[in-house]
Amino acid sequence: MDIPPLSAKTESFVHHFGEMGSRWGFNRTVGQMLALMVIHPTPLNADQISRLLGVSRGNVSMGIKELQSWRLIKTQNQAGDRKDYFVAAGSIWDLARTVFEERSRREIAPTLSLLRSQLLEPPQDENDKLSYQKMEEIHDILELVTEWSNSLNSLKLEQIQSLMKLGSGISKALEFKDKIVGKGTSE
């Protein structure tokens, strides 16, 4: 099936998403491929992706494997066609949640594991004590972030949206609570 070229707006979005993708943990082409699959109204095969993005078929194949390893796309079969077609693996919220989970699994979990092993032994001297304290601080904040993200993952989409809409209201409520219990804001 032949598909029309991308509109100027869609092409601009796809290219921008590629640039952003490099800041989110995958390369430019992979970011463009994901954007294309998110925004395109029909499933696309590798040849179509290659043609629409103007990148090599080999680059598309590697990008598909990368997106599959991130759990961001899924294969969809087309009746009468032996080629694999690809679509985004869920809603925008699903994709954001998956990226967050994967980044946590790939980056935060190994760091926490290293820190736990380093913190098993107490510091040997004063120089080691400062390093130990800083590693402990990093460990504690990463544990807190992990617990928080795990609790967010158990929420329904509507609950997450409500929580996000609270925005600065949460910081104002915390400031008010601190005033009531007598804590200063400089802590």
Protein backbone atom coordinates (compact mmCIF):
# COMPACT_ATOMS: atom_id res chain seq x y z
CA MET A 1 0.00 0.00 0.00
CA ASP A 2 1.41 3.35 -1.01
CA ILE A 3 1.07 6.15 1.52
CA PRO A 4 1.20 9.90 0.88
CA PRO A 5 4.17 11.95 2.07
CA LEU A 6 3.98 13.71 5.41
CA SER A 7 2.45 17.15 5.63
CA ALA A 8 4.79 20.01 6.54
CA LYS A 9 3.35 20.18 10.08
CA THR A 10 3.69 16.44 10.64
CA GLU A 11 7.21 16.40 9.23
CA SER A 12 8.19 19.30 11.50
CA PHE A 13 6.78 17.48 14.53
CA VAL A 14 8.51 14.21 13.63
CA HIS A 15 11.88 15.95 13.15
CA HIS A 16 11.53 17.85 16.41
CA PHE A 17 10.58 14.65 18.25
CA GLY A 18 13.75 13.07 16.88
CA GLU A 19 15.83 15.85 18.39
CA MET A 20 14.00 15.47 21.71
CA GLY A 21 14.41 11.69 21.60
CA SER A 22 18.16 12.10 21.83
CA ARG A 23 17.60 13.84 25.18
CA TRP A 24 15.26 11.09 26.41
CA GLY A 25 17.59 8.17 25.93
CA PHE A 26 17.42 7.09 22.29
CA ASN A 27 18.89 8.38 19.05
CA ARG A 28 17.36 10.89 16.65
CA THR A 29 16.11 8.37 14.09
CA VAL A 30 14.50 6.20 16.77
CA GLY A 31 12.76 9.29 18.15
CA GLN A 32 11.51 10.19 14.68
CA MET A 33 10.27 6.65 14.12
CA LEU A 34 8.33 6.68 17.38
CA ALA A 35 6.80 10.07 16.59
CA LEU A 36 5.81 8.83 13.14
CA MET A 37 4.11 5.73 14.55
CA VAL A 38 2.34 7.78 17.22
CA ILE A 39 1.00 10.38 14.83
CA HIS A 40 0.36 8.31 11.69
CA PRO A 41 -3.26 7.20 11.27
CA THR A 42 -2.37 3.71 9.97
CA PRO A 43 0.18 1.02 10.87
CA LEU A 44 3.43 1.32 8.90
CA ASN A 45 5.89 -1.27 7.63
CA ALA A 46 9.66 -0.80 7.61
CA ASP A 47 9.77 0.20 3.94
CA GLN A 48 7.14 2.88 4.48
CA ILE A 49 8.95 4.22 7.55
CA SER A 50 12.19 4.32 5.59
CA ARG A 51 10.55 6.21 2.72
CA LEU A 52 8.67 8.69 4.92
CA LEU A 53 11.71 9.55 7.03
CA GLY A 54 14.29 9.38 4.24
CA VAL A 55 16.52 6.98 6.19
CA SER A 56 18.00 3.63 5.20
CA ARG A 57 16.05 0.41 5.60
CA GLY A 58 18.86 -0.94 7.82
CA ASN A 59 18.58 2.08 10.09
CA VAL A 60 14.83 1.48 10.33
CA SER A 61 15.37 -2.20 11.21
CA MET A 62 17.74 -1.27 14.03
CA GLY A 63 15.33 1.43 15.19
CA ILE A 64 12.44 -1.04 15.28
CA LYS A 65 14.49 -3.40 17.46
CA GLU A 66 15.35 -0.51 19.78
CA LEU A 67 11.72 0.60 20.06
CA GLN A 68 10.64 -2.98 20.72
CA SER A 69 13.28 -3.30 23.46
CA TRP A 70 11.78 -0.16 25.04
CA ARG A 71 8.29 -1.74 24.66
CA LEU A 72 7.09 1.37 22.79
CA ILE A 73 5.82 -0.24 19.59
CA LYS A 74 4.02 -3.42 18.70
CA THR A 75 3.66 -5.47 15.55
CA GLN A 76 0.35 -5.55 13.77
CA ASN A 77 -0.42 -7.91 10.89
CA GLN A 78 -2.28 -6.80 7.78
CA ALA A 79 -4.55 -9.30 6.04
CA GLY A 80 -3.01 -10.53 2.79
CA ASP A 81 0.41 -8.97 3.50
CA ARG A 82 3.37 -10.90 4.91
CA LYS A 83 5.21 -7.75 6.03
CA ASP A 84 5.21 -6.68 9.65
CA TYR A 85 3.45 -3.41 10.37
CA PHE A 86 4.13 -1.32 13.46
CA VAL A 87 2.08 0.93 15.71
CA ALA A 88 2.68 2.71 18.99
CA ALA A 89 2.10 0.39 21.96
CA GLY A 90 -0.69 2.35 23.59
CA SER A 91 -1.79 5.86 24.35
CA ILE A 92 0.55 8.79 24.88
CA TRP A 93 0.19 8.23 28.65
CA ASP A 94 1.03 4.54 28.25
CA LEU A 95 4.13 5.44 26.26
CA ALA A 96 5.25 8.04 28.81
CA ARG A 97 4.78 5.53 31.62
CA THR A 98 6.74 2.90 29.69
CA VAL A 99 9.64 5.28 28.99
CA PHE A 100 9.75 6.19 32.67
CA GLU A 101 9.70 2.51 33.70
CA GLU A 102 12.43 1.61 31.20
CA ARG A 103 14.64 4.52 32.21
CA SER A 104 14.21 3.50 35.83
CA ARG A 105 15.05 -0.14 35.06
CA ARG A 106 18.07 0.78 32.90
CA GLU A 107 19.49 3.66 34.94
CA ILE A 108 18.14 3.97 38.47
CA ALA A 109 18.00 0.27 39.42
CA PRO A 110 21.68 -0.43 38.59
CA THR A 111 22.74 2.74 40.43
CA LEU A 112 20.73 1.74 43.51
CA SER A 113 22.26 -1.72 43.38
CA LEU A 114 25.78 -0.28 43.29
CA LEU A 115 25.02 2.16 46.10
CA ARG A 116 23.53 -0.59 48.30
CA SER A 117 26.66 -2.69 47.90
CA GLN A 118 28.92 0.31 48.63
CA LEU A 119 26.93 1.24 51.74
CA LEU A 120 27.15 -2.24 53.29
CA GLU A 121 30.59 -1.46 54.70
CA PRO A 122 30.98 1.53 57.02
CA PRO A 123 33.51 4.24 56.14
CA GLN A 124 37.15 3.43 56.94
CA ASP A 125 38.42 6.97 57.65
CA GLU A 126 37.37 10.64 57.56
CA ASN A 127 37.86 10.98 53.78
CA ASP A 128 35.78 7.86 53.25
CA LYS A 129 33.13 9.20 55.63
CA LEU A 130 32.25 12.14 53.36
CA SER A 131 32.01 9.85 50.33
CA TYR A 132 29.84 7.46 52.32
CA GLN A 133 27.51 10.28 53.40
CA LYS A 134 27.12 11.56 49.84
CA MET A 135 26.45 8.03 48.52
CA GLU A 136 23.88 7.60 51.27
CA GLU A 137 22.16 10.86 50.23
CA ILE A 138 22.08 9.76 46.59
CA HIS A 139 20.75 6.35 47.63
CA ASP A 140 18.01 7.89 49.77
CA ILE A 141 16.79 10.26 47.07
CA LEU A 142 16.80 7.52 44.42
CA GLU A 143 14.86 5.23 46.79
CA LEU A 144 12.35 8.01 47.38
CA VAL A 145 11.95 8.66 43.65
CA THR A 146 11.56 4.93 43.02
CA GLU A 147 8.89 4.55 45.71
CA TRP A 148 7.08 7.62 44.40
CA SER A 149 7.15 6.41 40.78
CA ASN A 150 5.95 2.95 41.83
CA SER A 151 3.02 4.50 43.64
CA LEU A 152 2.24 6.64 40.57
CA ASN A 153 2.26 3.53 38.38
CA SER A 154 -0.50 2.05 40.49
CA LEU A 155 -2.76 5.06 39.85
CA LYS A 156 -5.31 5.27 37.08
CA LEU A 157 -4.77 7.81 34.31
CA GLU A 158 -7.50 10.10 35.67
CA GLN A 159 -5.85 10.09 39.09
CA ILE A 160 -2.44 10.98 37.61
CA GLN A 161 -3.99 13.81 35.61
CA SER A 162 -5.74 15.13 38.74
CA LEU A 163 -2.49 14.97 40.68
CA MET A 164 -0.62 16.82 37.93
CA LYS A 165 -3.32 19.50 37.75
CA LEU A 166 -2.74 20.28 41.41
CA GLY A 167 0.61 21.71 40.33
CA SER A 168 1.81 24.59 42.45
CA GLY A 169 -1.13 24.08 44.80
CA ILE A 170 0.83 21.28 46.46
CA SER A 171 3.81 23.52 47.24
CA LYS A 172 1.47 26.19 48.63
CA ALA A 173 -0.24 23.59 50.82
CA LEU A 174 3.15 22.38 52.10
CA GLU A 175 4.24 25.95 52.85
CA PHE A 176 0.99 26.52 54.74
CA LYS A 177 1.51 23.27 56.70
CA ASP A 178 5.07 24.35 57.56
CA LYS A 179 3.78 27.70 58.87
CA ILE A 180 1.22 25.94 61.04
CA VAL A 181 3.73 23.51 62.56
CA GLY A 182 6.37 26.26 62.89
CA LYS A 183 8.95 25.21 60.32
CA GLY A 184 10.74 27.87 58.27
CA THR A 185 10.80 27.76 54.48
CA SER A 186 14.61 27.90 54.38
CA GLU A 187 15.01 24.26 55.45
